[in-house]
Structure formats: C-alpha cells, structure tokens
PDB file of all heavy atoms in Angstrom:
ATOM      1  N   PHE A   1     270.169 -69.442  70.601  1.00  0.00           N
ATOM      2  CA  PHE A   1     269.414 -69.569  71.852  1.00  0.00           C
ATOM      3  C   PHE A   1     270.197 -70.462  72.936  1.00  0.00           C
ATOM      4  O   PHE A   1     270.431 -70.008  74.039  1.00  0.00           O
ATOM      5  CB  PHE A   1     268.044 -70.185  71.547  1.00  0.00           C
ATOM      6  CG  PHE A   1     267.323 -70.319  72.905  1.00  0.00           C
ATOM      7  CD1 PHE A   1     266.533 -69.327  73.430  1.00  0.00           C
ATOM      8  CD2 PHE A   1     267.247 -71.617  73.540  1.00  0.00           C
ATOM      9  CE1 PHE A   1     265.841 -69.443  74.583  1.00  0.00           C
ATOM     10  CE2 PHE A   1     266.409 -71.765  74.679  1.00  0.00           C
ATOM     11  CZ  PHE A   1     265.808 -70.660  75.285  1.00  0.00           C
ATOM     12  N   ASN A   2     270.701 -71.670  72.399  1.00  0.00           N
ATOM     13  CA  ASN A   2     271.154 -72.486  73.347  1.00  0.00           C
ATOM     14  C   ASN A   2     272.642 -71.946  73.847  1.00  0.00           C
ATOM     15  O   ASN A   2     272.978 -72.096  75.028  1.00  0.00           O
ATOM     16  CB  ASN A   2     271.476 -73.940  72.793  1.00  0.00           C
ATOM     17  CG  ASN A   2     270.214 -74.674  72.606  1.00  0.00           C
ATOM     18  OD1 ASN A   2     269.271 -74.439  73.464  1.00  0.00           O
ATOM     19  ND2 ASN A   2     270.134 -75.597  71.706  1.00  0.00           N
ATOM     20  N   ALA A   3     273.360 -71.258  73.037  1.00  0.00           N
ATOM     21  CA  ALA A   3     274.603 -70.610  73.478  1.00  0.00           C
ATOM     22  C   ALA A   3     274.350 -69.591  74.504  1.00  0.00           C
ATOM     23  O   ALA A   3     275.085 -69.618  75.574  1.00  0.00           O
ATOM     24  CB  ALA A   3     275.325 -70.115  72.343  1.00  0.00           C
ATOM     25  N   LYS A   4     273.445 -68.746  74.347  1.00  0.00           N
ATOM     26  CA  LYS A   4     273.082 -67.761  75.181  1.00  0.00           C
ATOM     27  C   LYS A   4     272.602 -68.246  76.579  1.00  0.00           C
ATOM     28  O   LYS A   4     273.050 -67.817  77.647  1.00  0.00           O
ATOM     29  CB  LYS A   4     272.160 -66.743  74.607  1.00  0.00           C
ATOM     30  CG  LYS A   4     272.797 -65.869  73.612  1.00  0.00           C
ATOM     31  CD  LYS A   4     271.913 -64.803  72.955  1.00  0.00           C
ATOM     32  CE  LYS A   4     272.652 -64.073  71.863  1.00  0.00           C
ATOM     33  NZ  LYS A   4     271.933 -63.056  71.294  1.00  0.00           N
ATOM     34  N   ILE A   5     271.738 -69.317  76.581  1.00  0.00           N
ATOM     35  CA  ILE A   5     271.198 -69.883  77.636  1.00  0.00           C
ATOM     36  C   ILE A   5     272.369 -70.606  78.439  1.00  0.00           C
ATOM     37  O   ILE A   5     272.355 -70.391  79.712  1.00  0.00           O
ATOM     38  CB  ILE A   5     270.013 -71.035  77.393  1.00  0.00           C
ATOM     39  CG1 ILE A   5     268.824 -70.250  76.967  1.00  0.00           C
ATOM     40  CG2 ILE A   5     269.856 -71.838  78.547  1.00  0.00           C
ATOM     41  CD1 ILE A   5     268.185 -69.504  78.101  1.00  0.00           C
ATOM     42  N   LEU A   6     273.227 -71.330  77.796  1.00  0.00           N
ATOM     43  CA  LEU A   6     274.230 -71.900  78.583  1.00  0.00           C
ATOM     44  C   LEU A   6     275.234 -70.901  79.215  1.00  0.00           C
ATOM     45  O   LEU A   6     275.668 -71.120  80.345  1.00  0.00           O
ATOM     46  CB  LEU A   6     275.017 -72.757  77.594  1.00  0.00           C
ATOM     47  CG  LEU A   6     274.425 -74.099  77.205  1.00  0.00           C
ATOM     48  CD1 LEU A   6     275.212 -74.821  76.093  1.00  0.00           C
ATOM     49  CD2 LEU A   6     274.287 -74.934  78.494  1.00  0.00           C
ATOM     50  N   PHE A   7     275.607 -69.800  78.548  1.00  0.00           N
ATOM     51  CA  PHE A   7     276.360 -68.760  79.128  1.00  0.00           C
ATOM     52  C   PHE A   7     275.548 -68.176  80.373  1.00  0.00           C
ATOM     53  O   PHE A   7     276.195 -67.986  81.443  1.00  0.00           O
ATOM     54  CB  PHE A   7     276.740 -67.630  78.192  1.00  0.00           C
ATOM     55  CG  PHE A   7     277.860 -67.907  77.381  1.00  0.00           C
ATOM     56  CD1 PHE A   7     277.879 -67.776  76.005  1.00  0.00           C
ATOM     57  CD2 PHE A   7     279.116 -68.068  78.083  1.00  0.00           C
ATOM     58  CE1 PHE A   7     279.128 -67.939  75.300  1.00  0.00           C
ATOM     59  CE2 PHE A   7     280.350 -68.335  77.337  1.00  0.00           C
ATOM     60  CZ  PHE A   7     280.281 -68.300  75.969  1.00  0.00           C
ATOM     61  N   ASN A   8     274.347 -67.956  80.237  1.00  0.00           N
ATOM     62  CA  ASN A   8     273.557 -67.314  81.326  1.00  0.00           C
ATOM     63  C   ASN A   8     273.569 -68.384  82.508  1.00  0.00           C
ATOM     64  O   ASN A   8     273.717 -67.874  83.626  1.00  0.00           O
ATOM     65  CB  ASN A   8     272.148 -67.181  80.848  1.00  0.00           C
ATOM     66  CG  ASN A   8     271.305 -66.494  81.951  1.00  0.00           C
ATOM     67  OD1 ASN A   8     270.707 -67.156  82.833  1.00  0.00           O
ATOM     68  ND2 ASN A   8     271.422 -65.244  82.007  1.00  0.00           N
ATOM     69  N   ILE A   9     273.346 -69.565  82.224  1.00  0.00           N
ATOM     70  CA  ILE A   9     273.257 -70.673  83.347  1.00  0.00           C
ATOM     71  C   ILE A   9     274.648 -70.609  84.023  1.00  0.00           C
ATOM     72  O   ILE A   9     274.793 -70.701  85.347  1.00  0.00           O
ATOM     73  CB  ILE A   9     272.959 -71.921  82.823  1.00  0.00           C
ATOM     74  CG1 ILE A   9     271.440 -72.051  82.442  1.00  0.00           C
ATOM     75  CG2 ILE A   9     273.094 -73.109  83.901  1.00  0.00           C
ATOM     76  CD1 ILE A   9     270.955 -73.255  81.615  1.00  0.00           C
ATOM     77  N   LEU A  10     275.877 -70.635  83.121  1.00  0.00           N
ATOM     78  CA  LEU A  10     276.961 -70.587  83.743  1.00  0.00           C
ATOM     79  C   LEU A  10     277.354 -69.604  84.696  1.00  0.00           C
ATOM     80  O   LEU A  10     277.734 -69.699  85.899  1.00  0.00           O
ATOM     81  CB  LEU A  10     278.113 -70.699  82.713  1.00  0.00           C
ATOM     82  CG  LEU A  10     279.592 -70.480  83.141  1.00  0.00           C
ATOM     83  CD1 LEU A  10     279.978 -71.778  84.011  1.00  0.00           C
ATOM     84  CD2 LEU A  10     280.492 -70.237  81.970  1.00  0.00           C
ATOM     85  N   PHE A  11     277.064 -68.322  84.327  1.00  0.00           N
ATOM     86  CA  PHE A  11     277.275 -67.099  85.093  1.00  0.00           C
ATOM     87  C   PHE A  11     276.422 -66.923  86.334  1.00  0.00           C
ATOM     88  O   PHE A  11     276.738 -66.602  87.341  1.00  0.00           O
ATOM     89  CB  PHE A  11     277.258 -65.917  84.300  1.00  0.00           C
ATOM     90  CG  PHE A  11     278.338 -65.825  83.222  1.00  0.00           C
ATOM     91  CD1 PHE A  11     278.159 -65.649  81.946  1.00  0.00           C
ATOM     92  CD2 PHE A  11     279.659 -65.922  83.655  1.00  0.00           C
ATOM     93  CE1 PHE A  11     279.098 -65.580  80.959  1.00  0.00           C
ATOM     94  CE2 PHE A  11     280.721 -65.894  82.717  1.00  0.00           C
ATOM     95  CZ  PHE A  11     280.360 -65.668  81.359  1.00  0.00           C
ATOM     96  N   VAL A  12     275.101 -67.423  86.214  1.00  0.00           N
ATOM     97  CA  VAL A  12     274.096 -67.444  87.335  1.00  0.00           C
ATOM     98  C   VAL A  12     274.692 -68.345  88.268  1.00  0.00           C
ATOM     99  O   VAL A  12     274.711 -68.189  89.540  1.00  0.00           O
ATOM    100  CB  VAL A  12     272.724 -67.603  86.846  1.00  0.00           C
ATOM    101  CG1 VAL A  12     271.848 -67.941  88.124  1.00  0.00           C
ATOM    102  CG2 VAL A  12     272.188 -66.442  86.184  1.00  0.00           C
ATOM    103  N   VAL A  13     274.920 -69.655  87.911  1.00  0.00           N
ATOM    104  CA  VAL A  13     275.381 -70.730  88.799  1.00  0.00           C
ATOM    105  C   VAL A  13     276.792 -70.289  89.523  1.00  0.00           C
ATOM    106  O   VAL A  13     276.884 -70.596  90.639  1.00  0.00           O
ATOM    107  CB  VAL A  13     275.396 -72.087  88.142  1.00  0.00           C
ATOM    108  CG1 VAL A  13     276.036 -73.119  89.054  1.00  0.00           C
ATOM    109  CG2 VAL A  13     274.036 -72.504  87.712  1.00  0.00           C
ATOM    110  N   LEU A  14     277.594 -69.815  88.792  1.00  0.00           N
ATOM    111  CA  LEU A  14     278.995 -69.313  89.378  1.00  0.00           C
ATOM    112  C   LEU A  14     278.579 -68.355  90.577  1.00  0.00           C
ATOM    113  O   LEU A  14     279.076 -68.551  91.570  1.00  0.00           O
ATOM    114  CB  LEU A  14     279.939 -68.659  88.297  1.00  0.00           C
ATOM    115  CG  LEU A  14     280.779 -69.644  87.599  1.00  0.00           C
ATOM    116  CD1 LEU A  14     281.342 -68.775  86.397  1.00  0.00           C
ATOM    117  CD2 LEU A  14     281.841 -70.191  88.440  1.00  0.00           C
ATOM    118  N   GLY A  15     277.721 -67.357  90.145  1.00  0.00           N
ATOM    119  CA  GLY A  15     277.576 -66.366  91.243  1.00  0.00           C
ATOM    120  C   GLY A  15     276.710 -66.892  92.369  1.00  0.00           C
ATOM    121  O   GLY A  15     277.039 -66.629  93.493  1.00  0.00           O
ATOM    122  N   MET A  16     275.556 -67.607  92.069  1.00  0.00           N
ATOM    123  CA  MET A  16     274.739 -68.043  93.136  1.00  0.00           C
ATOM    124  C   MET A  16     275.206 -68.992  93.912  1.00  0.00           C
ATOM    125  O   MET A  16     275.163 -69.045  95.151  1.00  0.00           O
ATOM    126  CB  MET A  16     273.338 -68.522  92.603  1.00  0.00           C
ATOM    127  CG  MET A  16     272.544 -67.445  91.835  1.00  0.00           C
ATOM    128  SD  MET A  16     272.017 -66.210  93.024  1.00  0.00           S
ATOM    129  CE  MET A  16     270.835 -67.150  94.001  1.00  0.00           C
ATOM    130  N   SER A  17     276.005 -70.013  93.430  1.00  0.00           N
ATOM    131  CA  SER A  17     276.688 -71.107  94.182  1.00  0.00           C
ATOM    132  C   SER A  17     277.729 -70.458  95.079  1.00  0.00           C
ATOM    133  O   SER A  17     277.883 -70.951  96.261  1.00  0.00           O
ATOM    134  CB  SER A  17     277.292 -72.159  93.308  1.00  0.00           C
ATOM    135  OG  SER A  17     278.300 -71.699  92.525  1.00  0.00           O
ATOM    136  N   GLY A  18     278.408 -69.466  94.568  1.00  0.00           N
ATOM    137  CA  GLY A  18     279.527 -68.882  95.262  1.00  0.00           C
ATOM    138  C   GLY A  18     278.896 -68.073  96.628  1.00  0.00           C
ATOM    139  O   GLY A  18     279.441 -68.286  97.751  1.00  0.00           O
ATOM    140  N   ILE A  19     277.907 -67.313  96.281  1.00  0.00           N
ATOM    141  CA  ILE A  19     277.348 -66.618  97.424  1.00  0.00           C
ATOM    142  C   ILE A  19     276.531 -67.463  98.276  1.00  0.00           C
ATOM    143  O   ILE A  19     276.704 -67.323  99.671  1.00  0.00           O
ATOM    144  CB  ILE A  19     276.375 -65.418  96.837  1.00  0.00           C
ATOM    145  CG1 ILE A  19     277.170 -64.401  95.937  1.00  0.00           C
ATOM    146  CG2 ILE A  19     275.681 -64.880  98.031  1.00  0.00           C
ATOM    147  CD1 ILE A  19     276.318 -63.459  95.174  1.00  0.00           C
ATOM    148  N   MET A  20     275.776 -68.372  97.893  1.00  0.00           N
ATOM    149  CA  MET A  20     274.813 -69.143  98.676  1.00  0.00           C
ATOM    150  C   MET A  20     275.736 -70.231  99.505  1.00  0.00           C
ATOM    151  O   MET A  20     275.290 -70.553 100.617  1.00  0.00           O
ATOM    152  CB  MET A  20     273.866 -69.848  97.856  1.00  0.00           C
ATOM    153  CG  MET A  20     272.800 -68.839  97.361  1.00  0.00           C
ATOM    154  SD  MET A  20     271.885 -67.811  98.443  1.00  0.00           S
ATOM    155  CE  MET A  20     270.744 -69.031  99.110  1.00  0.00           C
ATOM    156  N   THR A  21     276.763 -70.621  98.957  1.00  0.00           N
ATOM    157  CA  THR A  21     277.741 -71.584  99.772  1.00  0.00           C
ATOM    158  C   THR A  21     278.145 -70.774 100.930  1.00  0.00           C
ATOM    159  O   THR A  21     278.512 -71.453 102.056  1.00  0.00           O
ATOM    160  CB  THR A  21     278.860 -72.109  98.921  1.00  0.00           C
ATOM    161  OG1 THR A  21     278.324 -72.781  97.776  1.00  0.00           O
ATOM    162  CG2 THR A  21     279.786 -72.872  99.572  1.00  0.00           C
ATOM    163  N   PHE A  22     278.432 -69.534 100.847  1.00  0.00           N
ATOM    164  CA  PHE A  22     278.851 -68.739 102.140  1.00  0.00           C
ATOM    165  C   PHE A  22     277.570 -68.375 102.907  1.00  0.00           C
ATOM    166  O   PHE A  22     277.621 -68.525 104.244  1.00  0.00           O
ATOM    167  CB  PHE A  22     279.472 -67.331 101.648  1.00  0.00           C
ATOM    168  CG  PHE A  22     279.939 -66.571 102.812  1.00  0.00           C
ATOM    169  CD1 PHE A  22     280.938 -66.812 103.571  1.00  0.00           C
ATOM    170  CD2 PHE A  22     279.131 -65.407 102.951  1.00  0.00           C
ATOM    171  CE1 PHE A  22     281.281 -66.044 104.621  1.00  0.00           C
ATOM    172  CE2 PHE A  22     279.389 -64.542 104.104  1.00  0.00           C
ATOM    173  CZ  PHE A  22     280.444 -64.909 104.840  1.00  0.00           C
ATOM    174  N   LEU A  23     276.488 -67.898 102.363  1.00  0.00           N
ATOM    175  CA  LEU A  23     275.442 -67.311 103.057  1.00  0.00           C
ATOM    176  C   LEU A  23     274.527 -68.483 103.938  1.00  0.00           C
ATOM    177  O   LEU A  23     274.060 -68.362 104.910  1.00  0.00           O
ATOM    178  CB  LEU A  23     274.436 -66.622 102.177  1.00  0.00           C
ATOM    179  CG  LEU A  23     274.666 -65.199 101.823  1.00  0.00           C
ATOM    180  CD1 LEU A  23     273.598 -64.683 100.904  1.00  0.00           C
ATOM    181  CD2 LEU A  23     275.105 -64.396 103.062  1.00  0.00           C
ATOM    182  N   GLY A  24     274.530 -69.623 103.227  1.00  0.00           N
ATOM    183  CA  GLY A  24     273.759 -70.696 103.826  1.00  0.00           C
ATOM    184  C   GLY A  24     274.175 -71.043 105.281  1.00  0.00           C
ATOM    185  O   GLY A  24     273.420 -70.929 106.228  1.00  0.00           O
TER     186      GLY A  24
END
C-alpha cells in the first residue's frame, strides 16, 4: 500500500505543481 501511495503522490505532485505553478 505505502509504495503505491508514495508513487501516486509523487506523480500527482509532479504534475499538479508543474501545471499550477504556471496557471496560478
């Protein structure tokens, strides 16, 4: 569970922080 959650968090944060840093 923890491995999959950590991968999910990593990929979501990479994508969201990249897009929102531009869009904000």
